[in-house]
Amino acid sequence: MGINHYFEMLSVLPPFQRLVGSLRQNSSLVYTQVIDEAVPFLIPTLMQETQRPILLICPTPDQSRRVHEQLRPGTMKKT
């Protein structure tokens, strides 16, 4: 099972669809909480679905560095 399968599975989940719907309504702020392990899957899928940039705020500088490393181009590839 390739990583693309996980992106596809995420994109059809009702909570994900609600989040995408909120973002498409041009709401100025949308808040959500996601477990750390899901962030590398959620952010690229969300950007692809909404065709918008995403501002991700982390509670600590260390967590920001980890997320940045996980989301760097080439770190995760859709296959």
PDB file of N, CA and C in Angstrom:
ATOM      1  N   MET A   1       0.848  -1.171   0.000  1.00  0.00           N
ATOM      2  CA  MET A   1       0.000   0.000   0.000  1.00  0.00           C
ATOM      3  C   MET A   1       0.895   1.236   0.000  1.00  0.00           C
ATOM      4  N   GLY A   2       0.781   2.062  -1.031  1.00  0.00           N
ATOM      5  CA  GLY A   2       1.591   3.268  -1.135  1.00  0.00           C
ATOM      6  C   GLY A   2       1.032   4.401  -0.289  1.00  0.00           C
ATOM      7  N   ILE A   3       1.840   5.423  -0.130  1.00  0.00           N
ATOM      8  CA  ILE A   3       1.436   6.567   0.694  1.00  0.00           C
ATOM      9  C   ILE A   3       0.252   7.306   0.089  1.00  0.00           C
ATOM     10  N   ASN A   4       0.111   7.244  -1.218  1.00  0.00           N
ATOM     11  CA  ASN A   4      -1.014   7.898  -1.880  1.00  0.00           C
ATOM     12  C   ASN A   4      -2.345   7.370  -1.352  1.00  0.00           C
ATOM     13  N   HIS A   5      -2.368   6.095  -0.988  1.00  0.00           N
ATOM     14  CA  HIS A   5      -3.577   5.485  -0.438  1.00  0.00           C
ATOM     15  C   HIS A   5      -4.014   6.212   0.840  1.00  0.00           C
ATOM     16  N   TYR A   6      -3.060   6.586   1.685  1.00  0.00           N
ATOM     17  CA  TYR A   6      -3.385   7.289   2.928  1.00  0.00           C
ATOM     18  C   TYR A   6      -3.939   8.683   2.647  1.00  0.00           C
ATOM     19  N   PHE A   7      -3.381   9.364   1.656  1.00  0.00           N
ATOM     20  CA  PHE A   7      -3.896  10.678   1.278  1.00  0.00           C
ATOM     21  C   PHE A   7      -5.337  10.548   0.776  1.00  0.00           C
ATOM     22  N   GLU A   8      -5.601   9.526  -0.012  1.00  0.00           N
ATOM     23  CA  GLU A   8      -6.948   9.305  -0.534  1.00  0.00           C
ATOM     24  C   GLU A   8      -7.925   8.962   0.580  1.00  0.00           C
ATOM     25  N   MET A   9      -7.501   8.124   1.519  1.00  0.00           N
ATOM     26  CA  MET A   9      -8.363   7.754   2.648  1.00  0.00           C
ATOM     27  C   MET A   9      -8.717   8.983   3.482  1.00  0.00           C
ATOM     28  N   LEU A  10      -7.742   9.831   3.732  1.00  0.00           N
ATOM     29  CA  LEU A  10      -7.966  11.029   4.534  1.00  0.00           C
ATOM     30  C   LEU A  10      -8.948  11.969   3.850  1.00  0.00           C
ATOM     31  N   SER A  11      -8.826  12.117   2.557  1.00  0.00           N
ATOM     32  CA  SER A  11      -9.633  13.111   1.841  1.00  0.00           C
ATOM     33  C   SER A  11     -11.126  12.790   1.817  1.00  0.00           C
ATOM     34  N   VAL A  12     -11.523  11.559   2.113  1.00  0.00           N
ATOM     35  CA  VAL A  12     -12.948  11.213   2.098  1.00  0.00           C
ATOM     36  C   VAL A  12     -13.567  11.129   3.491  1.00  0.00           C
ATOM     37  N   LEU A  13     -12.781  11.321   4.536  1.00  0.00           N
ATOM     38  CA  LEU A  13     -13.319  11.256   5.895  1.00  0.00           C
ATOM     39  C   LEU A  13     -14.218  12.462   6.174  1.00  0.00           C
ATOM     40  N   PRO A  14     -15.387  12.244   6.800  1.00  0.00           N
ATOM     41  CA  PRO A  14     -16.296  13.361   7.088  1.00  0.00           C
ATOM     42  C   PRO A  14     -15.659  14.516   7.867  1.00  0.00           C
ATOM     43  N   PRO A  15     -14.846  14.276   8.920  1.00  0.00           N
ATOM     44  CA  PRO A  15     -14.236  15.428   9.601  1.00  0.00           C
ATOM     45  C   PRO A  15     -13.321  16.238   8.679  1.00  0.00           C
ATOM     46  N   PHE A  16     -12.610  15.554   7.801  1.00  0.00           N
ATOM     47  CA  PHE A  16     -11.746  16.251   6.851  1.00  0.00           C
ATOM     48  C   PHE A  16     -12.589  17.061   5.877  1.00  0.00           C
ATOM     49  N   GLN A  17     -13.673  16.487   5.404  1.00  0.00           N
ATOM     50  CA  GLN A  17     -14.552  17.195   4.471  1.00  0.00           C
ATOM     51  C   GLN A  17     -15.178  18.426   5.125  1.00  0.00           C
ATOM     52  N   ARG A  18     -15.521  18.330   6.424  1.00  0.00           N
ATOM     53  CA  ARG A  18     -16.054  19.499   7.137  1.00  0.00           C
ATOM     54  C   ARG A  18     -14.997  20.597   7.228  1.00  0.00           C
ATOM     55  N   LEU A  19     -13.758  20.211   7.497  1.00  0.00           N
ATOM     56  CA  LEU A  19     -12.667  21.181   7.572  1.00  0.00           C
ATOM     57  C   LEU A  19     -12.465  21.866   6.222  1.00  0.00           C
ATOM     58  N   VAL A  20     -12.447  21.092   5.160  1.00  0.00           N
ATOM     59  CA  VAL A  20     -12.305  21.651   3.811  1.00  0.00           C
ATOM     60  C   VAL A  20     -13.473  22.590   3.512  1.00  0.00           C
ATOM     61  N   GLY A  21     -14.682  22.183   3.872  1.00  0.00           N
ATOM     62  CA  GLY A  21     -15.849  23.031   3.651  1.00  0.00           C
ATOM     63  C   GLY A  21     -15.743  24.355   4.382  1.00  0.00           C
ATOM     64  N   SER A  22     -15.264  24.318   5.617  1.00  0.00           N
ATOM     65  CA  SER A  22     -15.079  25.552   6.388  1.00  0.00           C
ATOM     66  C   SER A  22     -14.070  26.467   5.715  1.00  0.00           C
ATOM     67  N   LEU A  23     -12.993  25.902   5.217  1.00  0.00           N
ATOM     68  CA  LEU A  23     -11.966  26.705   4.553  1.00  0.00           C
ATOM     69  C   LEU A  23     -12.465  27.282   3.236  1.00  0.00           C
ATOM     70  N   ARG A  24     -13.299  26.559   2.549  1.00  0.00           N
ATOM     71  CA  ARG A  24     -13.825  27.042   1.263  1.00  0.00           C
ATOM     72  C   ARG A  24     -14.867  28.142   1.433  1.00  0.00           C
ATOM     73  N   GLN A  25     -15.423  28.283   2.627  1.00  0.00           N
ATOM     74  CA  GLN A  25     -16.423  29.325   2.877  1.00  0.00           C
ATOM     75  C   GLN A  25     -15.776  30.679   3.111  1.00  0.00           C
ATOM     76  N   ASN A  26     -14.460  30.745   2.945  1.00  0.00           N
ATOM     77  CA  ASN A  26     -13.716  31.989   3.136  1.00  0.00           C
ATOM     78  C   ASN A  26     -13.847  32.543   4.546  1.00  0.00           C
ATOM     79  N   SER A  27     -14.006  31.653   5.490  1.00  0.00           N
ATOM     80  CA  SER A  27     -14.014  32.060   6.891  1.00  0.00           C
ATOM     81  C   SER A  27     -12.632  32.601   7.233  1.00  0.00           C
ATOM     82  N   SER A  28     -12.575  33.649   8.023  1.00  0.00           N
ATOM     83  CA  SER A  28     -11.273  34.251   8.314  1.00  0.00           C
ATOM     84  C   SER A  28     -10.420  33.368   9.214  1.00  0.00           C
ATOM     85  N   LEU A  29     -11.034  32.618  10.117  1.00  0.00           N
ATOM     86  CA  LEU A  29     -10.283  31.731  11.005  1.00  0.00           C
ATOM     87  C   LEU A  29     -10.973  30.382  11.105  1.00  0.00           C
ATOM     88  N   VAL A  30     -10.180  29.340  11.017  1.00  0.00           N
ATOM     89  CA  VAL A  30     -10.676  27.990  11.226  1.00  0.00           C
ATOM     90  C   VAL A  30      -9.703  27.317  12.171  1.00  0.00           C
ATOM     91  N   TYR A  31     -10.213  26.799  13.266  1.00  0.00           N
ATOM     92  CA  TYR A  31      -9.367  26.118  14.245  1.00  0.00           C
ATOM     93  C   TYR A  31      -9.630  24.626  14.200  1.00  0.00           C
ATOM     94  N   THR A  32      -8.573  23.860  14.351  1.00  0.00           N
ATOM     95  CA  THR A  32      -8.722  22.415  14.475  1.00  0.00           C
ATOM     96  C   THR A  32      -7.536  21.879  15.254  1.00  0.00           C
ATOM     97  N   GLN A  33      -7.699  20.716  15.805  1.00  0.00           N
ATOM     98  CA  GLN A  33      -6.618  20.074  16.535  1.00  0.00           C
ATOM     99  C   GLN A  33      -6.391  18.706  15.910  1.00  0.00           C
ATOM    100  N   VAL A  34      -5.120  18.379  15.704  1.00  0.00           N
ATOM    101  CA  VAL A  34      -4.754  17.144  15.016  1.00  0.00           C
ATOM    102  C   VAL A  34      -3.626  16.479  15.790  1.00  0.00           C
ATOM    103  N   ILE A  35      -3.660  15.162  15.871  1.00  0.00           N
ATOM    104  CA  ILE A  35      -2.551  14.472  16.530  1.00  0.00           C
ATOM    105  C   ILE A  35      -1.285  14.656  15.703  1.00  0.00           C
ATOM    106  N   ASP A  36      -0.157  14.711  16.369  1.00  0.00           N
ATOM    107  CA  ASP A  36       1.122  14.996  15.708  1.00  0.00           C
ATOM    108  C   ASP A  36       1.401  14.075  14.524  1.00  0.00           C
ATOM    109  N   GLU A  37       1.086  12.798  14.684  1.00  0.00           N
ATOM    110  CA  GLU A  37       1.400  11.826  13.632  1.00  0.00           C
ATOM    111  C   GLU A  37       0.607  12.061  12.349  1.00  0.00           C
ATOM    112  N   ALA A  38      -0.509  12.763  12.439  1.00  0.00           N
ATOM    113  CA  ALA A  38      -1.352  12.985  11.259  1.00  0.00           C
ATOM    114  C   ALA A  38      -0.963  14.222  10.458  1.00  0.00           C
ATOM    115  N   VAL A  39      -0.200  15.121  11.058  1.00  0.00           N
ATOM    116  CA  VAL A  39       0.123  16.395  10.405  1.00  0.00           C
ATOM    117  C   VAL A  39       0.789  16.213   9.042  1.00  0.00           C
ATOM    118  N   PRO A  40       1.773  15.314   8.896  1.00  0.00           N
ATOM    119  CA  PRO A  40       2.408  15.164   7.577  1.00  0.00           C
ATOM    120  C   PRO A  40       1.451  14.687   6.481  1.00  0.00           C
ATOM    121  N   PHE A  41       0.346  14.069   6.861  1.00  0.00           N
ATOM    122  CA  PHE A  41      -0.656  13.644   5.888  1.00  0.00           C
ATOM    123  C   PHE A  41      -1.712  14.728   5.690  1.00  0.00           C
ATOM    124  N   LEU A  42      -2.104  15.364   6.779  1.00  0.00           N
ATOM    125  CA  LEU A  42      -3.191  16.336   6.733  1.00  0.00           C
ATOM    126  C   LEU A  42      -2.842  17.584   5.931  1.00  0.00           C
ATOM    127  N   ILE A  43      -1.712  18.189   6.212  1.00  0.00           N
ATOM    128  CA  ILE A  43      -1.388  19.481   5.597  1.00  0.00           C
ATOM    129  C   ILE A  43      -1.274  19.387   4.071  1.00  0.00           C
ATOM    130  N   PRO A  44      -0.500  18.450   3.516  1.00  0.00           N
ATOM    131  CA  PRO A  44      -0.446  18.373   2.040  1.00  0.00           C
ATOM    132  C   PRO A  44      -1.802  18.055   1.408  1.00  0.00           C
ATOM    133  N   THR A  45      -2.579  17.186   2.053  1.00  0.00           N
ATOM    134  CA  THR A  45      -3.892  16.840   1.513  1.00  0.00           C
ATOM    135  C   THR A  45      -4.822  18.041   1.575  1.00  0.00           C
ATOM    136  N   LEU A  46      -4.769  18.772   2.669  1.00  0.00           N
ATOM    137  CA  LEU A  46      -5.593  19.965   2.823  1.00  0.00           C
ATOM    138  C   LEU A  46      -5.219  21.035   1.800  1.00  0.00           C
ATOM    139  N   MET A  47      -3.940  21.231   1.585  1.00  0.00           N
ATOM    140  CA  MET A  47      -3.497  22.213   0.589  1.00  0.00           C
ATOM    141  C   MET A  47      -3.952  21.815  -0.809  1.00  0.00           C
ATOM    142  N   GLN A  48      -3.893  20.532  -1.107  1.00  0.00           N
ATOM    143  CA  GLN A  48      -4.315  20.055  -2.421  1.00  0.00           C
ATOM    144  C   GLN A  48      -5.824  20.231  -2.595  1.00  0.00           C
ATOM    145  N   GLU A  49      -6.594  19.907  -1.577  1.00  0.00           N
ATOM    146  CA  GLU A  49      -8.053  20.000  -1.667  1.00  0.00           C
ATOM    147  C   GLU A  49      -8.539  21.443  -1.760  1.00  0.00           C
ATOM    148  N   THR A  50      -7.896  22.353  -1.028  1.00  0.00           N
ATOM    149  CA  THR A  50      -8.374  23.735  -0.978  1.00  0.00           C
ATOM    150  C   THR A  50      -7.675  24.654  -1.966  1.00  0.00           C
ATOM    151  N   GLN A  51      -6.507  24.232  -2.476  1.00  0.00           N
ATOM    152  CA  GLN A  51      -5.706  25.071  -3.365  1.00  0.00           C
ATOM    153  C   GLN A  51      -5.374  26.405  -2.691  1.00  0.00           C
ATOM    154  N   ARG A  52      -5.045  26.318  -1.394  1.00  0.00           N
ATOM    155  CA  ARG A  52      -4.702  27.507  -0.613  1.00  0.00           C
ATOM    156  C   ARG A  52      -3.491  27.215   0.254  1.00  0.00           C
ATOM    157  N   PRO A  53      -2.764  28.263   0.611  1.00  0.00           N
ATOM    158  CA  PRO A  53      -1.687  28.063   1.589  1.00  0.00           C
ATOM    159  C   PRO A  53      -2.299  27.836   2.975  1.00  0.00           C
ATOM    160  N   ILE A  54      -1.575  27.151   3.822  1.00  0.00           N
ATOM    161  CA  ILE A  54      -2.038  26.830   5.172  1.00  0.00           C
ATOM    162  C   ILE A  54      -1.054  27.407   6.180  1.00  0.00           C
ATOM    163  N   LEU A  55      -1.562  28.109   7.179  1.00  0.00           N
ATOM    164  CA  LEU A  55      -0.733  28.592   8.278  1.00  0.00           C
ATOM    165  C   LEU A  55      -0.881  27.604   9.423  1.00  0.00           C
ATOM    166  N   LEU A  56       0.205  27.000   9.794  1.00  0.00           N
ATOM    167  CA  LEU A  56       0.214  26.000  10.857  1.00  0.00           C
ATOM    168  C   LEU A  56       0.944  26.591  12.052  1.00  0.00           C
ATOM    169  N   ILE A  57       0.281  26.654  13.191  1.00  0.00           N
ATOM    170  CA  ILE A  57       0.877  27.213  14.403  1.00  0.00           C
ATOM    171  C   ILE A  57       1.112  26.081  15.390  1.00  0.00           C
ATOM    172  N   CYS A  58       2.351  25.956  15.826  1.00  0.00           N
ATOM    173  CA  CYS A  58       2.732  24.908  16.774  1.00  0.00           C
ATOM    174  C   CYS A  58       2.975  25.529  18.145  1.00  0.00           C
ATOM    175  N   PRO A  59       2.746  24.757  19.206  1.00  0.00           N
ATOM    176  CA  PRO A  59       2.887  25.312  20.555  1.00  0.00           C
ATOM    177  C   PRO A  59       4.324  25.560  21.005  1.00  0.00           C
ATOM    178  N   THR A  60       5.293  24.894  20.400  1.00  0.00           N
ATOM    179  CA  THR A  60       6.686  25.076  20.825  1.00  0.00           C
ATOM    180  C   THR A  60       7.594  25.199  19.610  1.00  0.00           C
ATOM    181  N   PRO A  61       8.739  25.859  19.767  1.00  0.00           N
ATOM    182  CA  PRO A  61       9.708  25.936  18.671  1.00  0.00           C
ATOM    183  C   PRO A  61      10.196  24.553  18.237  1.00  0.00           C
ATOM    184  N   ASP A  62      10.368  23.650  19.196  1.00  0.00           N
ATOM    185  CA  ASP A  62      10.832  22.306  18.863  1.00  0.00           C
ATOM    186  C   ASP A  62       9.817  21.575  17.982  1.00  0.00           C
ATOM    187  N   GLN A  63       8.555  21.707  18.321  1.00  0.00           N
ATOM    188  CA  GLN A  63       7.524  21.069  17.505  1.00  0.00           C
ATOM    189  C   GLN A  63       7.464  21.715  16.120  1.00  0.00           C
ATOM    190  N   SER A  64       7.666  23.011  16.050  1.00  0.00           N
ATOM    191  CA  SER A  64       7.701  23.693  14.750  1.00  0.00           C
ATOM    192  C   SER A  64       8.813  23.144  13.872  1.00  0.00           C
ATOM    193  N   ARG A  65       9.977  22.927  14.463  1.00  0.00           N
ATOM    194  CA  ARG A  65      11.100  22.364  13.697  1.00  0.00           C
ATOM    195  C   ARG A  65      10.780  20.950  13.207  1.00  0.00           C
ATOM    196  N   ARG A  66      10.174  20.135  14.068  1.00  0.00           N
ATOM    197  CA  ARG A  66       9.827  18.760  13.670  1.00  0.00           C
ATOM    198  C   ARG A  66       8.832  18.762  12.512  1.00  0.00           C
ATOM    199  N   VAL A  67       7.811  19.597  12.624  1.00  0.00           N
ATOM    200  CA  VAL A  67       6.803  19.667  11.560  1.00  0.00           C
ATOM    201  C   VAL A  67       7.434  20.176  10.271  1.00  0.00           C
ATOM    202  N   HIS A  68       8.277  21.178  10.378  1.00  0.00           N
ATOM    203  CA  HIS A  68       8.963  21.708   9.198  1.00  0.00           C
ATOM    204  C   HIS A  68       9.770  20.607   8.518  1.00  0.00           C
ATOM    205  N   GLU A  69      10.476  19.824   9.295  1.00  0.00           N
ATOM    206  CA  GLU A  69      11.277  18.725   8.742  1.00  0.00           C
ATOM    207  C   GLU A  69      10.379  17.689   8.063  1.00  0.00           C
ATOM    208  N   GLN A  70       9.241  17.388   8.675  1.00  0.00           N
ATOM    209  CA  GLN A  70       8.326  16.391   8.111  1.00  0.00           C
ATOM    210  C   GLN A  70       7.681  16.869   6.815  1.00  0.00           C
ATOM    211  N   LEU A  71       7.491  18.168   6.692  1.00  0.00           N
ATOM    212  CA  LEU A  71       6.782  18.709   5.528  1.00  0.00           C
ATOM    213  C   LEU A  71       7.691  19.215   4.421  1.00  0.00           C
ATOM    214  N   ARG A  72       8.993  19.129   4.631  1.00  0.00           N
ATOM    215  CA  ARG A  72       9.918  19.594   3.590  1.00  0.00           C
ATOM    216  C   ARG A  72       9.666  18.854   2.286  1.00  0.00           C
ATOM    217  N   PRO A  73       9.776  19.559   1.162  1.00  0.00           N
ATOM    218  CA  PRO A  73       9.604  18.888  -0.135  1.00  0.00           C
ATOM    219  C   PRO A  73      10.554  17.702  -0.260  1.00  0.00           C
ATOM    220  N   GLY A  74      10.017  16.608  -0.735  1.00  0.00           N
ATOM    221  CA  GLY A  74      10.832  15.414  -0.914  1.00  0.00           C
ATOM    222  C   GLY A  74      10.826  14.493   0.287  1.00  0.00           C
ATOM    223  N   THR A  75      10.371  14.983   1.444  1.00  0.00           N
ATOM    224  CA  THR A  75      10.327  14.139   2.629  1.00  0.00           C
ATOM    225  C   THR A  75       9.226  13.109   2.498  1.00  0.00           C
ATOM    226  N   MET A  76       8.081  13.536   1.981  1.00  0.00           N
ATOM    227  CA  MET A  76       6.944  12.650   1.762  1.00  0.00           C
ATOM    228  C   MET A  76       6.507  12.800   0.325  1.00  0.00           C
ATOM    229  N   LYS A  77       6.490  11.731  -0.380  1.00  0.00           N
ATOM    230  CA  LYS A  77       6.089  11.804  -1.784  1.00  0.00           C
ATOM    231  C   LYS A  77       4.852  10.954  -2.001  1.00  0.00           C
ATOM    232  N   LYS A  78       3.937  11.477  -2.784  1.00  0.00           N
ATOM    233  CA  LYS A  78       2.767  10.700  -3.180  1.00  0.00           C
ATOM    234  C   LYS A  78       3.197   9.748  -4.282  1.00  0.00           C
ATOM    235  N   THR A  79       2.992   8.473  -4.065  1.00  0.00           N
ATOM    236  CA  THR A  79       3.354   7.486  -5.087  1.00  0.00           C
ATOM    237  C   THR A  79       2.154   6.688  -5.498  1.00  0.00           C
TER     238      THR A  79
END
